[in-house]
Amino acid sequence: MKKVVNPSNLVPGMKVAQTILNDFGSIIISENTILDEHLIKKLQNQKLLKVRIFVEKEKSKEEKIDIPVTKVKDAFQNTYNGGIYEVKEIISDLLSEKGVNLKNVANVIDSVISMTDEKMDLIRCMNQIKSSDEYIYTHSMNVAMLSMLIGRWLRYNDKKLQMLVQAALLHDIGKIKVPPEIINKPGKVTDSEYEEIKKHSIYGYRMLEKEKAISKDVCLGVLLHHEREDGSGYPTGAKSNLIHDFAKIIAVADIYDAMTSERVYKERESPFEVFELMEEKTLRQLDVKVVSAFLNNIASYYVGDYVELDNGKIAEIVYINPRHVSKPIIKVDEKYIDLVIEKNIKIKYVI
């Protein structure tokens, strides 16, 4: 059953019954999305007169409709924390040379894939819990989730999606073989230290190829996720068609999460700075099909969000230009600004 309500009466847990567009035709909220506090605020900022939602069967005209309120962010946090616990167990077993705990891996894969089935705003939830304190674990989870989204956008079937998520989850496990003083170094690493770090994809591949239950595709995704289309990557310098599709997807997810995460030695960067970098790298280093799927889908999550500009002003993202995803049309006060034209204005933070 559907019901029209005023945006001021929305509460977390309600499910949107109709895709909502802004004046530019950009999707603000997709149909079947479960609302949380952030999404409700986004809708209220649009000054909409009404929002159509799903409700339970109405018993009588006089009786107030009972809409179950679920805590979407709490549900995400619980699932995410459970995944982090499993990742810690996986790494602990590897450090103890017990091999890969495939049961733990399967648990994480199931939880990651189930998140999209709930229509959660995964990008928003991930952005809000990024932390430098447990980066090695959160990065594995985030890359798995981002890779899963890209796989869905590329229309992977269930079996292929599960293998992709497995490769993404395990893409950095070889780092346990790199001396911790190098991995955890707060400043810039030396050339020799960087050469040691670059070996992590080989270390990871060698650990996984011993496991009969792990497919060759997953192993190659781990081995080649730092390769680049022009042959400038590592460890083999493979080019374009020699790079496994899983590795191409993980590369994009890896770059996005690493650059938008807070680290001990650097601040997180704006998603739009990362989009700009990807648009540039697509010409020579990243797979065009993967980057296009990623940018054209993920950018829509930010429509309706507020950002701080490098001039200190606050703006609203009102339209994403599909040809220039990193340079949206923004609204400052009552003025619309196209960042493709106003090249001297940059987005510094997403608020």
Protein backbone atom coordinates (compact mmCIF):
# COMPACT_ATOMS: atom_id res chain seq x y z
CA MET A 1 0.00 0.00 0.00
CA LYS A 2 1.22 3.53 -0.80
CA LYS A 3 0.63 6.83 0.96
CA VAL A 4 1.56 10.44 0.24
CA VAL A 5 3.15 12.32 3.16
CA ASN A 6 4.68 15.71 3.76
CA PRO A 7 8.53 15.54 3.92
CA SER A 8 8.38 17.01 7.44
CA ASN A 9 6.58 13.83 8.56
CA LEU A 10 9.17 11.39 7.22
CA VAL A 11 10.94 9.14 9.73
CA PRO A 12 13.86 6.69 9.40
CA GLY A 13 12.75 3.29 8.18
CA MET A 14 10.10 4.46 5.71
CA LYS A 15 10.44 3.05 2.19
CA VAL A 16 10.13 5.38 -0.82
CA ALA A 17 7.43 4.25 -3.26
CA GLN A 18 8.42 6.44 -6.21
CA THR A 19 11.74 7.62 -7.65
CA ILE A 20 12.23 11.29 -6.76
CA LEU A 21 13.89 13.70 -9.19
CA ASN A 22 15.09 17.27 -8.73
CA ASP A 23 14.41 20.16 -11.12
CA PHE A 24 17.35 19.08 -13.28
CA GLY A 25 15.98 15.58 -13.72
CA SER A 26 18.65 14.03 -11.47
CA ILE A 27 17.64 11.18 -9.20
CA ILE A 28 17.59 12.24 -5.55
CA ILE A 29 16.19 9.01 -4.12
CA SER A 30 15.37 5.79 -5.99
CA GLU A 31 12.16 3.84 -5.52
CA ASN A 32 12.32 1.21 -2.72
CA THR A 33 15.10 3.07 -0.88
CA ILE A 34 14.80 2.81 2.90
CA LEU A 35 15.14 6.27 4.41
CA ASP A 36 17.63 7.24 7.09
CA GLU A 37 18.19 10.63 8.74
CA HIS A 38 20.58 11.82 6.02
CA LEU A 39 18.23 10.91 3.18
CA ILE A 40 15.28 12.55 4.93
CA LYS A 41 17.27 15.75 5.34
CA LYS A 42 18.23 15.56 1.66
CA LEU A 43 14.54 15.34 0.68
CA GLN A 44 13.52 18.15 3.02
CA ASN A 45 16.22 20.39 1.54
CA GLN A 46 14.56 19.98 -1.85
CA LYS A 47 11.46 21.78 -0.55
CA LEU A 48 9.18 19.05 -1.89
CA LEU A 49 5.47 19.26 -1.17
CA LYS A 50 4.93 15.51 -0.90
CA VAL A 51 6.70 12.14 -0.91
CA ARG A 52 5.07 8.82 -1.77
CA ILE A 53 5.97 5.97 0.62
CA PHE A 54 4.98 2.36 1.24
CA VAL A 55 2.94 1.67 4.38
CA GLU A 56 1.34 -1.32 6.03
CA LYS A 57 -2.32 -2.07 5.40
CA GLU A 58 -4.54 0.61 6.88
CA LYS A 59 -7.02 -0.83 9.36
CA SER A 60 -9.42 2.12 9.50
CA LYS A 61 -9.59 5.77 8.56
CA GLU A 62 -9.49 6.80 12.19
CA GLU A 63 -6.67 4.51 13.19
CA LYS A 64 -3.18 5.91 12.87
CA ILE A 65 -1.03 3.94 10.45
CA ASP A 66 1.71 2.05 12.18
CA ILE A 67 4.90 2.22 10.12
CA PRO A 68 7.72 0.12 11.55
CA VAL A 69 10.77 2.30 12.04
CA THR A 70 14.02 0.48 11.43
CA LYS A 71 17.33 2.03 12.28
CA VAL A 72 18.98 1.83 8.89
CA LYS A 73 22.34 3.19 9.95
CA ASP A 74 22.43 0.91 12.97
CA ALA A 75 21.61 -2.06 10.75
CA PHE A 76 24.43 -1.12 8.40
CA GLN A 77 26.82 -0.53 11.29
CA ASN A 78 26.03 -3.92 12.82
CA THR A 79 26.51 -5.72 9.51
CA TYR A 80 29.67 -3.76 8.81
CA ASN A 81 31.12 -4.41 12.27
CA GLY A 82 30.35 -8.10 11.86
CA GLY A 83 32.27 -8.06 8.59
CA ILE A 84 35.22 -6.30 10.22
CA TYR A 85 35.28 -8.98 12.94
CA GLU A 86 35.37 -11.71 10.29
CA VAL A 87 38.18 -9.90 8.42
CA LYS A 88 40.20 -9.72 11.63
CA GLU A 89 39.69 -13.46 12.12
CA ILE A 90 40.80 -14.13 8.53
CA ILE A 91 43.99 -12.09 8.98
CA SER A 92 44.64 -13.60 12.41
CA ASP A 93 44.47 -17.13 10.94
CA LEU A 94 46.83 -16.15 8.13
CA LEU A 95 49.31 -14.66 10.60
CA SER A 96 49.15 -17.93 12.52
CA GLU A 97 49.76 -19.76 9.22
CA LYS A 98 46.44 -21.59 9.49
CA GLY A 99 45.55 -20.73 5.90
CA VAL A 100 42.49 -18.91 4.60
CA ASN A 101 39.38 -19.46 6.71
CA LEU A 102 36.87 -19.92 3.89
CA LYS A 103 33.92 -19.97 6.27
CA ASN A 104 34.76 -16.47 7.50
CA VAL A 105 35.30 -15.32 3.91
CA ALA A 106 31.89 -16.72 2.88
CA ASN A 107 30.22 -14.95 5.82
CA VAL A 108 31.63 -11.59 4.75
CA ILE A 109 30.67 -12.14 1.11
CA ASP A 110 27.08 -12.95 2.11
CA SER A 111 26.81 -9.86 4.33
CA VAL A 112 28.30 -7.55 1.68
CA ILE A 113 25.95 -8.77 -1.04
CA SER A 114 22.94 -8.62 1.29
CA MET A 115 23.53 -4.91 1.90
CA THR A 116 22.45 -3.92 -1.61
CA ASP A 117 19.35 -6.08 -1.33
CA GLU A 118 18.23 -3.77 1.49
CA LYS A 119 18.55 -0.68 -0.77
CA MET A 120 20.74 1.04 1.78
CA ASP A 121 22.63 4.21 0.90
CA LEU A 122 25.91 2.28 1.11
CA ILE A 123 28.09 5.15 -0.02
CA ARG A 124 26.74 7.49 2.65
CA CYS A 125 27.03 4.84 5.36
CA MET A 126 30.59 3.98 4.35
CA ASN A 127 31.62 7.63 4.25
CA GLN A 128 30.35 8.20 7.76
CA ILE A 129 32.37 5.43 9.39
CA LYS A 130 35.70 5.84 7.61
CA SER A 131 38.53 5.83 10.16
CA SER A 132 42.31 5.64 10.14
CA ASP A 133 42.33 3.55 13.33
CA GLU A 134 41.56 0.22 11.65
CA TYR A 135 42.30 1.09 8.03
CA ILE A 136 43.66 -2.34 7.08
CA TYR A 137 40.32 -3.94 8.01
CA THR A 138 37.91 -1.21 6.90
CA HIS A 139 39.71 -0.86 3.57
CA SER A 140 39.16 -4.56 2.83
CA MET A 141 35.44 -4.24 3.62
CA ASN A 142 35.02 -1.00 1.68
CA VAL A 143 36.78 -2.29 -1.43
CA ALA A 144 34.63 -5.42 -1.28
CA MET A 145 31.44 -3.35 -1.08
CA LEU A 146 32.49 -0.92 -3.81
CA SER A 147 33.56 -3.78 -6.09
CA MET A 148 30.22 -5.46 -5.46
CA LEU A 149 28.39 -2.29 -6.52
CA ILE A 150 30.48 -2.01 -9.69
CA GLY A 151 29.84 -5.68 -10.43
CA ARG A 152 26.10 -5.11 -10.12
CA TRP A 153 26.29 -2.02 -12.35
CA LEU A 154 28.12 -4.18 -14.92
CA ARG A 155 25.33 -6.77 -14.55
CA TYR A 156 27.45 -9.61 -13.19
CA ASN A 157 25.50 -12.77 -12.39
CA ASP A 158 25.37 -14.04 -8.81
CA LYS A 159 28.24 -16.54 -9.13
CA LYS A 160 30.57 -14.06 -10.80
CA LEU A 161 29.61 -11.37 -8.28
CA GLN A 162 30.51 -13.65 -5.37
CA MET A 163 33.94 -14.39 -6.86
CA LEU A 164 34.53 -10.67 -7.46
CA VAL A 165 33.66 -9.82 -3.86
CA GLN A 166 35.95 -12.61 -2.63
CA ALA A 167 38.86 -11.25 -4.67
CA ALA A 168 38.15 -7.69 -3.50
CA LEU A 169 37.93 -8.74 0.14
CA LEU A 170 41.28 -10.55 -0.07
CA HIS A 171 43.07 -8.16 -2.44
CA ASP A 172 45.47 -6.83 0.21
CA ILE A 173 46.06 -9.91 2.37
CA GLY A 174 49.63 -10.14 1.07
CA LYS A 175 50.43 -7.07 3.16
CA ILE A 176 50.68 -9.29 6.23
CA LYS A 177 53.96 -10.51 4.73
CA VAL A 178 55.32 -6.95 4.51
CA PRO A 179 57.16 -5.77 7.67
CA PRO A 180 54.64 -3.88 9.88
CA GLU A 181 57.05 -0.99 10.39
CA ILE A 182 56.77 -0.31 6.65
CA ILE A 183 53.00 -0.80 6.40
CA ASN A 184 52.34 1.39 9.45
CA LYS A 185 54.96 4.04 8.69
CA PRO A 186 53.28 7.44 9.28
CA GLY A 187 55.42 9.33 6.77
CA LYS A 188 56.60 8.83 3.21
CA VAL A 189 58.23 5.47 2.53
CA THR A 190 61.66 5.16 0.93
CA ASP A 191 62.17 3.72 -2.54
CA SER A 192 63.33 0.40 -1.11
CA GLU A 193 60.35 0.26 1.28
CA TYR A 194 57.99 0.96 -1.60
CA GLU A 195 59.52 -1.89 -3.58
CA GLU A 196 58.78 -4.19 -0.64
CA ILE A 197 55.17 -2.94 -0.43
CA LYS A 198 54.72 -3.64 -4.13
CA LYS A 199 55.37 -7.32 -3.47
CA HIS A 200 52.14 -7.67 -1.47
CA SER A 201 50.07 -8.66 -4.50
CA ILE A 202 52.49 -11.53 -5.23
CA TYR A 203 52.46 -12.59 -1.58
CA GLY A 204 48.64 -12.60 -1.61
CA TYR A 205 48.50 -14.60 -4.83
CA ARG A 206 50.87 -17.24 -3.46
CA MET A 207 48.79 -17.62 -0.29
CA LEU A 208 45.56 -18.05 -2.23
CA GLU A 209 46.78 -20.37 -4.98
CA LYS A 210 47.41 -23.02 -2.32
CA GLU A 211 43.68 -23.10 -1.55
CA LYS A 212 41.90 -25.52 -3.89
CA ALA A 213 38.52 -23.99 -3.09
CA ILE A 214 39.59 -20.55 -4.34
CA SER A 215 39.27 -20.09 -8.09
CA LYS A 216 42.02 -18.96 -10.44
CA ASP A 217 39.92 -15.90 -11.26
CA VAL A 218 39.99 -14.77 -7.63
CA CYS A 219 43.75 -15.34 -7.44
CA LEU A 220 44.33 -13.29 -10.59
CA GLY A 221 42.14 -10.49 -9.24
CA VAL A 222 44.41 -10.31 -6.20
CA LEU A 223 47.65 -10.60 -8.19
CA LEU A 224 46.83 -7.97 -10.81
CA HIS A 225 44.86 -5.27 -8.97
CA HIS A 226 47.77 -2.79 -9.23
CA GLU A 227 48.31 -3.34 -12.94
CA ARG A 228 47.38 -0.49 -15.29
CA GLU A 229 46.07 -0.37 -18.87
CA ASP A 230 49.27 1.25 -20.18
CA GLY A 231 51.57 -1.27 -18.50
CA SER A 232 52.75 1.18 -15.82
CA GLY A 233 51.48 -0.94 -12.91
CA TYR A 234 52.96 -3.85 -10.95
CA PRO A 235 53.98 -6.62 -10.33
CA THR A 236 54.17 -7.81 -13.95
CA GLY A 237 53.64 -4.65 -15.99
CA ALA A 238 50.69 -6.32 -17.75
CA LYS A 239 48.65 -4.23 -20.17
CA SER A 240 44.95 -3.95 -21.02
CA ASN A 241 43.70 -7.36 -22.25
CA LEU A 242 46.20 -9.23 -20.05
CA ILE A 243 44.66 -7.79 -16.90
CA HIS A 244 41.80 -9.80 -15.38
CA ASP A 245 38.42 -8.03 -15.23
CA PHE A 246 38.23 -8.54 -11.45
CA ALA A 247 41.56 -6.72 -11.06
CA LYS A 248 40.31 -3.80 -13.17
CA ILE A 249 37.27 -3.40 -10.93
CA ILE A 250 39.25 -3.77 -7.70
CA ALA A 251 41.72 -1.14 -8.95
CA VAL A 252 38.96 1.47 -9.24
CA ALA A 253 37.40 0.55 -5.86
CA ASP A 254 40.86 0.54 -4.23
CA ILE A 255 41.76 4.01 -5.52
CA TYR A 256 38.41 5.52 -4.50
CA ASP A 257 38.46 4.15 -0.96
CA ALA A 258 42.15 4.90 -0.35
CA MET A 259 41.82 8.52 -1.48
CA THR A 260 38.57 9.24 0.39
CA SER A 261 39.76 7.64 3.65
CA GLU A 262 41.38 9.43 6.57
CA ARG A 263 44.91 8.21 7.17
CA VAL A 264 47.44 8.92 9.90
CA TYR A 265 49.63 10.78 7.41
CA LYS A 266 47.01 12.45 5.19
CA GLU A 267 43.51 13.91 5.17
CA ARG A 268 40.77 12.31 3.12
CA GLU A 269 40.12 13.82 -0.29
CA SER A 270 36.79 14.93 -1.72
CA PRO A 271 35.01 12.30 -3.84
CA PHE A 272 34.91 14.86 -6.65
CA GLU A 273 38.70 15.17 -6.55
CA VAL A 274 38.87 11.40 -6.96
CA PHE A 275 36.34 11.50 -9.80
CA GLU A 276 38.53 14.05 -11.58
CA LEU A 277 41.61 11.88 -11.13
CA MET A 278 39.74 8.87 -12.51
CA GLU A 279 38.50 10.82 -15.51
CA GLU A 280 42.10 11.69 -16.29
CA LYS A 281 43.51 8.21 -15.62
CA THR A 282 40.84 6.57 -17.78
CA LEU A 283 42.68 7.84 -20.83
CA ARG A 284 45.67 5.64 -20.11
CA GLN A 285 45.62 3.70 -16.83
CA LEU A 286 42.11 2.55 -15.87
CA ASP A 287 39.58 0.52 -17.84
CA VAL A 288 37.09 2.81 -19.60
CA LYS A 289 34.11 0.49 -19.13
CA VAL A 290 34.72 0.03 -15.40
CA VAL A 291 35.34 3.71 -14.70
CA SER A 292 32.27 4.75 -16.69
CA ALA A 293 30.05 2.33 -14.77
CA PHE A 294 31.51 3.53 -11.48
CA LEU A 295 31.37 7.29 -12.11
CA ASN A 296 27.98 7.34 -13.80
CA ASN A 297 26.39 5.46 -10.91
CA ILE A 298 28.22 6.55 -7.77
CA ALA A 299 28.06 10.27 -8.52
CA SER A 300 24.25 10.19 -8.35
CA TYR A 301 24.54 9.39 -4.64
CA TYR A 302 25.79 12.93 -4.09
CA VAL A 303 22.94 14.78 -5.84
CA GLY A 304 21.18 16.83 -3.17
CA ASP A 305 24.19 16.76 -0.84
CA TYR A 306 25.86 19.91 0.45
CA VAL A 307 29.54 20.59 -0.08
CA GLU A 308 32.09 23.13 1.07
CA LEU A 309 33.95 24.90 -1.71
CA ASP A 310 37.60 25.96 -1.63
CA ASN A 311 36.41 29.57 -1.23
CA GLY A 312 34.66 28.63 2.02
CA LYS A 313 31.10 28.84 0.65
CA ILE A 314 28.49 26.10 1.06
CA ALA A 315 26.81 24.72 -2.07
CA GLU A 316 24.27 22.09 -3.02
CA ILE A 317 24.95 19.49 -5.74
CA VAL A 318 21.97 19.80 -8.08
CA TYR A 319 23.09 18.03 -11.27
CA ILE A 320 25.81 15.61 -12.32
CA ASN A 321 27.05 16.13 -15.86
CA PRO A 322 27.58 12.58 -17.27
CA ARG A 323 30.39 13.89 -19.50
CA HIS A 324 32.14 15.67 -16.61
CA VAL A 325 31.14 13.81 -13.44
CA SER A 326 33.81 15.57 -11.35
CA LYS A 327 32.38 19.01 -12.22
CA PRO A 328 28.69 19.11 -11.29
CA ILE A 329 26.27 22.02 -11.39
CA ILE A 330 26.01 23.46 -7.89
CA LYS A 331 23.70 25.95 -6.22
CA VAL A 332 25.18 28.66 -4.00
CA ASP A 333 22.43 30.68 -2.32
CA GLU A 334 20.10 31.23 -5.31
CA LYS A 335 22.80 31.12 -7.97
CA TYR A 336 23.53 28.09 -10.14
CA ILE A 337 27.18 27.49 -11.05
CA ASP A 338 28.47 25.04 -13.65
CA LEU A 339 31.92 23.88 -12.53
CA VAL A 340 32.76 22.89 -16.10
CA ILE A 341 32.69 26.62 -16.89
CA GLU A 342 33.85 28.01 -13.53
CA LYS A 343 37.16 26.13 -13.48
CA ASN A 344 38.59 28.18 -10.59
CA ILE A 345 36.04 26.77 -8.12
CA LYS A 346 36.73 23.41 -6.48
CA ILE A 347 34.74 21.17 -4.14
CA LYS A 348 36.75 20.71 -0.96
CA TYR A 349 34.50 18.61 1.30
CA VAL A 350 31.17 16.79 1.19
CA ILE A 351 29.31 17.88 4.30
